[in-house]
Amino acid sequence: SRTPTIDWTRCDGHGLCAQLLPGTT
């Protein structure tokens, strides 16, 4: 299986992932 990880140098805090990934805050 594969899991999502975040590249913090690219993340701008849009928050879309929190809407798409269950359990993400």
Full PDB file with SEQRES, HELIX, SHEET, SSBOND, CRYST1, ORIGX, SCALE, CONECT and MASTER records, all heavy atoms in Angstrom:
SEQRES   1 A   25  SER ARG THR PRO THR ILE ASP TRP THR ARG CYS ASP GLY          
SEQRES   2 A   25  HIS GLY LEU CYS ALA GLN LEU LEU PRO GLY THR THR              
HELIX    1 AA1 LEU A   16  LEU A   20  1                                   5    
CRYST1    1.000    1.000    1.000  90.00  90.00  90.00 P 1           1          
ORIGX1      1.000000  0.000000  0.000000        0.00000                         
ORIGX2      0.000000  1.000000  0.000000        0.00000                         
ORIGX3      0.000000  0.000000  1.000000        0.00000                         
SCALE1      1.000000  0.000000  0.000000        0.00000                         
SCALE2      0.000000  1.000000  0.000000        0.00000                         
SCALE3      0.000000  0.000000  1.000000        0.00000                         
ATOM      1  N   SER A   1       0.829  -1.205   0.000  1.00  0.00           N  
ATOM      2  CA  SER A   1       0.000   0.000   0.000  1.00  0.00           C  
ATOM      3  C   SER A   1       0.867   1.261   0.000  1.00  0.00           C  
ATOM      4  O   SER A   1       2.044   1.232   0.319  1.00  0.00           O  
ATOM      5  CB  SER A   1      -0.925  -0.006   1.216  1.00  0.00           C  
ATOM      6  OG  SER A   1      -0.162   0.092   2.394  1.00  0.00           O  
ATOM      7  N   ARG A   2       0.236   2.337  -0.383  1.00  0.00           N  
ATOM      8  CA  ARG A   2       0.935   3.626  -0.437  1.00  0.00           C  
ATOM      9  C   ARG A   2       0.162   4.626   0.399  1.00  0.00           C  
ATOM     10  O   ARG A   2      -1.056   4.585   0.464  1.00  0.00           O  
ATOM     11  CB  ARG A   2       1.068   4.073  -1.879  1.00  0.00           C  
ATOM     12  CG  ARG A   2       1.960   3.102  -2.641  1.00  0.00           C  
ATOM     13  CD  ARG A   2       2.005   3.240  -4.120  1.00  0.00           C  
ATOM     14  NE  ARG A   2       1.776   4.536  -4.670  1.00  0.00           N  
ATOM     15  CZ  ARG A   2       2.424   5.024  -5.712  1.00  0.00           C  
ATOM     16  NH1 ARG A   2       3.353   4.320  -6.286  1.00  0.00           N  
ATOM     17  NH2 ARG A   2       2.130   6.195  -6.195  1.00  0.00           N  
ATOM     18  N   THR A   3       0.882   5.517   1.058  1.00  0.00           N  
ATOM     19  CA  THR A   3       0.269   6.496   1.935  1.00  0.00           C  
ATOM     20  C   THR A   3       0.650   7.908   1.486  1.00  0.00           C  
ATOM     21  O   THR A   3       1.710   8.120   0.896  1.00  0.00           O  
ATOM     22  CB  THR A   3       0.721   6.304   3.395  1.00  0.00           C  
ATOM     23  OG1 THR A   3       2.147   6.433   3.457  1.00  0.00           O  
ATOM     24  CG2 THR A   3       0.324   4.944   3.916  1.00  0.00           C  
ATOM     25  N   PRO A   4      -0.204   8.891   1.777  1.00  0.00           N  
ATOM     26  CA  PRO A   4       0.118  10.267   1.394  1.00  0.00           C  
ATOM     27  C   PRO A   4       1.156  10.868   2.333  1.00  0.00           C  
ATOM     28  O   PRO A   4       1.173  10.589   3.535  1.00  0.00           O  
ATOM     29  CB  PRO A   4      -1.229  10.992   1.532  1.00  0.00           C  
ATOM     30  CG  PRO A   4      -1.987  10.198   2.532  1.00  0.00           C  
ATOM     31  CD  PRO A   4      -1.526   8.783   2.367  1.00  0.00           C  
ATOM     32  N   THR A   5       2.041  11.665   1.777  1.00  0.00           N  
ATOM     33  CA  THR A   5       2.997  12.443   2.562  1.00  0.00           C  
ATOM     34  C   THR A   5       2.965  13.870   2.032  1.00  0.00           C  
ATOM     35  O   THR A   5       2.509  14.121   0.915  1.00  0.00           O  
ATOM     36  CB  THR A   5       4.435  11.895   2.459  1.00  0.00           C  
ATOM     37  OG1 THR A   5       4.839  11.910   1.097  1.00  0.00           O  
ATOM     38  CG2 THR A   5       4.542  10.492   3.020  1.00  0.00           C  
ATOM     39  N   ILE A   6       3.442  14.792   2.832  1.00  0.00           N  
ATOM     40  CA  ILE A   6       3.404  16.211   2.474  1.00  0.00           C  
ATOM     41  C   ILE A   6       4.811  16.732   2.260  1.00  0.00           C  
ATOM     42  O   ILE A   6       5.698  16.516   3.082  1.00  0.00           O  
ATOM     43  CB  ILE A   6       2.720  17.031   3.588  1.00  0.00           C  
ATOM     44  CG1 ILE A   6       1.314  16.513   3.831  1.00  0.00           C  
ATOM     45  CG2 ILE A   6       2.709  18.511   3.237  1.00  0.00           C  
ATOM     46  CD1 ILE A   6       0.672  17.041   5.094  1.00  0.00           C  
ATOM     47  N   ASP A   7       5.009  17.429   1.146  1.00  0.00           N  
ATOM     48  CA  ASP A   7       6.256  18.146   0.894  1.00  0.00           C  
ATOM     49  C   ASP A   7       6.042  19.552   1.477  1.00  0.00           C  
ATOM     50  O   ASP A   7       5.386  20.399   0.877  1.00  0.00           O  
ATOM     51  CB  ASP A   7       6.531  18.220  -0.607  1.00  0.00           C  
ATOM     52  CG  ASP A   7       7.815  18.960  -0.937  1.00  0.00           C  
ATOM     53  OD1 ASP A   7       8.361  19.661  -0.060  1.00  0.00           O  
ATOM     54  OD2 ASP A   7       8.271  18.849  -2.087  1.00  0.00           O  
ATOM     55  N   TRP A   8       6.566  19.783   2.675  1.00  0.00           N  
ATOM     56  CA  TRP A   8       6.316  21.036   3.392  1.00  0.00           C  
ATOM     57  C   TRP A   8       6.893  22.251   2.686  1.00  0.00           C  
ATOM     58  O   TRP A   8       6.425  23.374   2.909  1.00  0.00           O  
ATOM     59  CB  TRP A   8       6.834  20.941   4.820  1.00  0.00           C  
ATOM     60  CG  TRP A   8       6.076  19.924   5.601  1.00  0.00           C  
ATOM     61  CD1 TRP A   8       6.524  18.693   6.005  1.00  0.00           C  
ATOM     62  CD2 TRP A   8       4.717  20.006   6.021  1.00  0.00           C  
ATOM     63  NE1 TRP A   8       5.516  18.022   6.661  1.00  0.00           N  
ATOM     64  CE2 TRP A   8       4.407  18.809   6.688  1.00  0.00           C  
ATOM     65  CE3 TRP A   8       3.726  20.979   5.902  1.00  0.00           C  
ATOM     66  CZ2 TRP A   8       3.152  18.565   7.235  1.00  0.00           C  
ATOM     67  CZ3 TRP A   8       2.480  20.726   6.458  1.00  0.00           C  
ATOM     68  CH2 TRP A   8       2.201  19.541   7.107  1.00  0.00           C  
ATOM     69  N   THR A   9       7.868  22.070   1.823  1.00  0.00           N  
ATOM     70  CA  THR A   9       8.422  23.221   1.095  1.00  0.00           C  
ATOM     71  C   THR A   9       7.470  23.701   0.016  1.00  0.00           C  
ATOM     72  O   THR A   9       7.562  24.837  -0.432  1.00  0.00           O  
ATOM     73  CB  THR A   9       9.781  22.874   0.461  1.00  0.00           C  
ATOM     74  OG1 THR A   9       9.621  21.810  -0.476  1.00  0.00           O  
ATOM     75  CG2 THR A   9      10.796  22.491   1.526  1.00  0.00           C  
ATOM     76  N   ARG A  10       6.528  22.855  -0.388  1.00  0.00           N  
ATOM     77  CA  ARG A  10       5.556  23.227  -1.425  1.00  0.00           C  
ATOM     78  C   ARG A  10       4.195  23.624  -0.865  1.00  0.00           C  
ATOM     79  O   ARG A  10       3.451  24.353  -1.498  1.00  0.00           O  
ATOM     80  CB  ARG A  10       5.356  22.069  -2.398  1.00  0.00           C  
ATOM     81  CG  ARG A  10       6.546  21.806  -3.278  1.00  0.00           C  
ATOM     82  CD  ARG A  10       6.210  20.652  -4.212  1.00  0.00           C  
ATOM     83  NE  ARG A  10       7.209  20.508  -5.225  1.00  0.00           N  
ATOM     84  CZ  ARG A  10       7.089  20.972  -6.460  1.00  0.00           C  
ATOM     85  NH1 ARG A  10       6.005  21.605  -6.823  1.00  0.00           N  
ATOM     86  NH2 ARG A  10       8.039  20.797  -7.333  1.00  0.00           N  
ATOM     87  N   CYS A  11       3.835  23.108   0.310  1.00  0.00           N  
ATOM     88  CA  CYS A  11       2.492  23.305   0.855  1.00  0.00           C  
ATOM     89  C   CYS A  11       2.241  24.789   1.145  1.00  0.00           C  
ATOM     90  O   CYS A  11       3.030  25.460   1.819  1.00  0.00           O  
ATOM     91  CB  CYS A  11       2.315  22.488   2.132  1.00  0.00           C  
ATOM     92  SG  CYS A  11       0.646  22.601   2.799  1.00  0.00           S  
ATOM     93  N   ASP A  12       1.115  25.290   0.622  1.00  0.00           N  
ATOM     94  CA  ASP A  12       0.715  26.677   0.840  1.00  0.00           C  
ATOM     95  C   ASP A  12      -0.470  26.797   1.781  1.00  0.00           C  
ATOM     96  O   ASP A  12      -0.985  27.899   1.984  1.00  0.00           O  
ATOM     97  CB  ASP A  12       0.349  27.338  -0.497  1.00  0.00           C  
ATOM     98  CG  ASP A  12       1.553  27.569  -1.387  1.00  0.00           C  
ATOM     99  OD1 ASP A  12       2.663  27.777  -0.854  1.00  0.00           O  
ATOM    100  OD2 ASP A  12       1.378  27.545  -2.628  1.00  0.00           O  
ATOM    101  N   GLY A  13      -0.929  25.698   2.337  1.00  0.00           N  
ATOM    102  CA  GLY A  13      -2.034  25.732   3.291  1.00  0.00           C  
ATOM    103  C   GLY A  13      -3.384  26.034   2.668  1.00  0.00           C  
ATOM    104  O   GLY A  13      -4.217  26.677   3.289  1.00  0.00           O  
ATOM    105  N   HIS A  14      -3.631  25.548   1.456  1.00  0.00           N  
ATOM    106  CA  HIS A  14      -4.930  25.747   0.808  1.00  0.00           C  
ATOM    107  C   HIS A  14      -6.049  25.003   1.537  1.00  0.00           C  
ATOM    108  O   HIS A  14      -7.185  25.437   1.522  1.00  0.00           O  
ATOM    109  CB  HIS A  14      -4.896  25.280  -0.655  1.00  0.00           C  
ATOM    110  CG  HIS A  14      -4.023  26.113  -1.522  1.00  0.00           C  
ATOM    111  ND1 HIS A  14      -4.410  27.338  -2.010  1.00  0.00           N  
ATOM    112  CD2 HIS A  14      -2.773  25.902  -1.990  1.00  0.00           C  
ATOM    113  CE1 HIS A  14      -3.434  27.850  -2.744  1.00  0.00           C  
ATOM    114  NE2 HIS A  14      -2.427  26.991  -2.745  1.00  0.00           N  
ATOM    115  N   GLY A  15      -5.737  23.847   2.115  1.00  0.00           N  
ATOM    116  CA  GLY A  15      -6.711  23.082   2.878  1.00  0.00           C  
ATOM    117  C   GLY A  15      -7.559  22.117   2.079  1.00  0.00           C  
ATOM    118  O   GLY A  15      -8.431  21.459   2.639  1.00  0.00           O  
ATOM    119  N   LEU A  16      -7.340  22.024   0.790  1.00  0.00           N  
ATOM    120  CA  LEU A  16      -8.136  21.118  -0.042  1.00  0.00           C  
ATOM    121  C   LEU A  16      -7.959  19.658   0.387  1.00  0.00           C  
ATOM    122  O   LEU A  16      -8.910  18.883   0.377  1.00  0.00           O  
ATOM    123  CB  LEU A  16      -7.766  21.291  -1.512  1.00  0.00           C  
ATOM    124  CG  LEU A  16      -8.545  20.469  -2.529  1.00  0.00           C  
ATOM    125  CD1 LEU A  16     -10.032  20.810  -2.455  1.00  0.00           C  
ATOM    126  CD2 LEU A  16      -8.019  20.729  -3.931  1.00  0.00           C  
ATOM    127  N   CYS A  17      -6.774  19.299   0.804  1.00  0.00           N  
ATOM    128  CA  CYS A  17      -6.524  17.913   1.210  1.00  0.00           C  
ATOM    129  C   CYS A  17      -7.372  17.526   2.413  1.00  0.00           C  
ATOM    130  O   CYS A  17      -7.792  16.378   2.533  1.00  0.00           O  
ATOM    131  CB  CYS A  17      -5.047  17.682   1.487  1.00  0.00           C  
ATOM    132  SG  CYS A  17      -4.351  18.821   2.681  1.00  0.00           S  
ATOM    133  N   ALA A  18      -7.658  18.468   3.287  1.00  0.00           N  
ATOM    134  CA  ALA A  18      -8.492  18.164   4.451  1.00  0.00           C  
ATOM    135  C   ALA A  18      -9.918  17.835   4.032  1.00  0.00           C  
ATOM    136  O   ALA A  18     -10.617  17.103   4.722  1.00  0.00           O  
ATOM    137  CB  ALA A  18      -8.486  19.328   5.430  1.00  0.00           C  
ATOM    138  N   GLN A  19     -10.347  18.361   2.911  1.00  0.00           N  
ATOM    139  CA  GLN A  19     -11.673  18.049   2.397  1.00  0.00           C  
ATOM    140  C   GLN A  19     -11.688  16.698   1.683  1.00  0.00           C  
ATOM    141  O   GLN A  19     -12.700  16.012   1.667  1.00  0.00           O  
ATOM    142  CB  GLN A  19     -12.142  19.133   1.438  1.00  0.00           C  
ATOM    143  CG  GLN A  19     -12.329  20.474   2.101  1.00  0.00           C  
ATOM    144  CD  GLN A  19     -12.654  21.559   1.078  1.00  0.00           C  
ATOM    145  OE1 GLN A  19     -13.089  21.276  -0.024  1.00  0.00           O  
ATOM    146  NE2 GLN A  19     -12.442  22.800   1.462  1.00  0.00           N  
ATOM    147  N   LEU A  20     -10.559  16.321   1.097  1.00  0.00           N  
ATOM    148  CA  LEU A  20     -10.490  15.106   0.288  1.00  0.00           C  
ATOM    149  C   LEU A  20     -10.023  13.871   1.050  1.00  0.00           C  
ATOM    150  O   LEU A  20     -10.339  12.752   0.652  1.00  0.00           O  
ATOM    151  CB  LEU A  20      -9.570  15.333  -0.907  1.00  0.00           C  
ATOM    152  CG  LEU A  20     -10.028  16.390  -1.909  1.00  0.00           C  
ATOM    153  CD1 LEU A  20      -8.948  16.641  -2.948  1.00  0.00           C  
ATOM    154  CD2 LEU A  20     -11.321  15.966  -2.569  1.00  0.00           C  
ATOM    155  N   LEU A  21      -9.254  14.065   2.115  1.00  0.00           N  
ATOM    156  CA  LEU A  21      -8.723  12.928   2.865  1.00  0.00           C  
ATOM    157  C   LEU A  21      -9.460  12.777   4.185  1.00  0.00           C  
ATOM    158  O   LEU A  21      -9.327  13.622   5.074  1.00  0.00           O  
ATOM    159  CB  LEU A  21      -7.219  13.124   3.142  1.00  0.00           C  
ATOM    160  CG  LEU A  21      -6.310  13.097   1.934  1.00  0.00           C  
ATOM    161  CD1 LEU A  21      -4.897  13.494   2.328  1.00  0.00           C  
ATOM    162  CD2 LEU A  21      -6.318  11.721   1.301  1.00  0.00           C  
ATOM    163  N   PRO A  22     -10.243  11.730   4.337  1.00  0.00           N  
ATOM    164  CA  PRO A  22     -10.968  11.517   5.586  1.00  0.00           C  
ATOM    165  C   PRO A  22     -10.011  11.467   6.778  1.00  0.00           C  
ATOM    166  O   PRO A  22      -8.959  10.854   6.705  1.00  0.00           O  
ATOM    167  CB  PRO A  22     -11.648  10.162   5.388  1.00  0.00           C  
ATOM    168  CG  PRO A  22     -11.671   9.950   3.914  1.00  0.00           C  
ATOM    169  CD  PRO A  22     -10.485  10.667   3.366  1.00  0.00           C  
ATOM    170  N   GLY A  23     -10.382  12.151   7.838  1.00  0.00           N  
ATOM    171  CA  GLY A  23      -9.563  12.151   9.046  1.00  0.00           C  
ATOM    172  C   GLY A  23      -8.501  13.221   9.076  1.00  0.00           C  
ATOM    173  O   GLY A  23      -7.844  13.411  10.095  1.00  0.00           O  
ATOM    174  N   THR A  24      -8.304  13.937   7.972  1.00  0.00           N  
ATOM    175  CA  THR A  24      -7.300  14.997   7.934  1.00  0.00           C  
ATOM    176  C   THR A  24      -7.895  16.268   8.522  1.00  0.00           C  
ATOM    177  O   THR A  24      -9.015  16.644   8.223  1.00  0.00           O  
ATOM    178  CB  THR A  24      -6.839  15.265   6.492  1.00  0.00           C  
ATOM    179  OG1 THR A  24      -6.279  14.054   5.967  1.00  0.00           O  
ATOM    180  CG2 THR A  24      -5.783  16.350   6.420  1.00  0.00           C  
ATOM    181  N   THR A  25      -7.125  16.915   9.372  1.00  0.00           N  
ATOM    182  CA  THR A  25      -7.551  18.182   9.958  1.00  0.00           C  
ATOM    183  C   THR A  25      -6.563  19.266   9.555  1.00  0.00           C  
ATOM    184  O   THR A  25      -5.519  18.975   8.958  1.00  0.00           O  
ATOM    185  CB  THR A  25      -7.611  18.093  11.499  1.00  0.00           C  
ATOM    186  OG1 THR A  25      -6.321  17.718  11.982  1.00  0.00           O  
ATOM    187  CG2 THR A  25      -8.649  17.084  11.942  1.00  0.00           C  
TER     188      THR A  25                                                      
MASTER        0    0    0    1    0    0    0    6  187    1    0    2          
END                                                                             
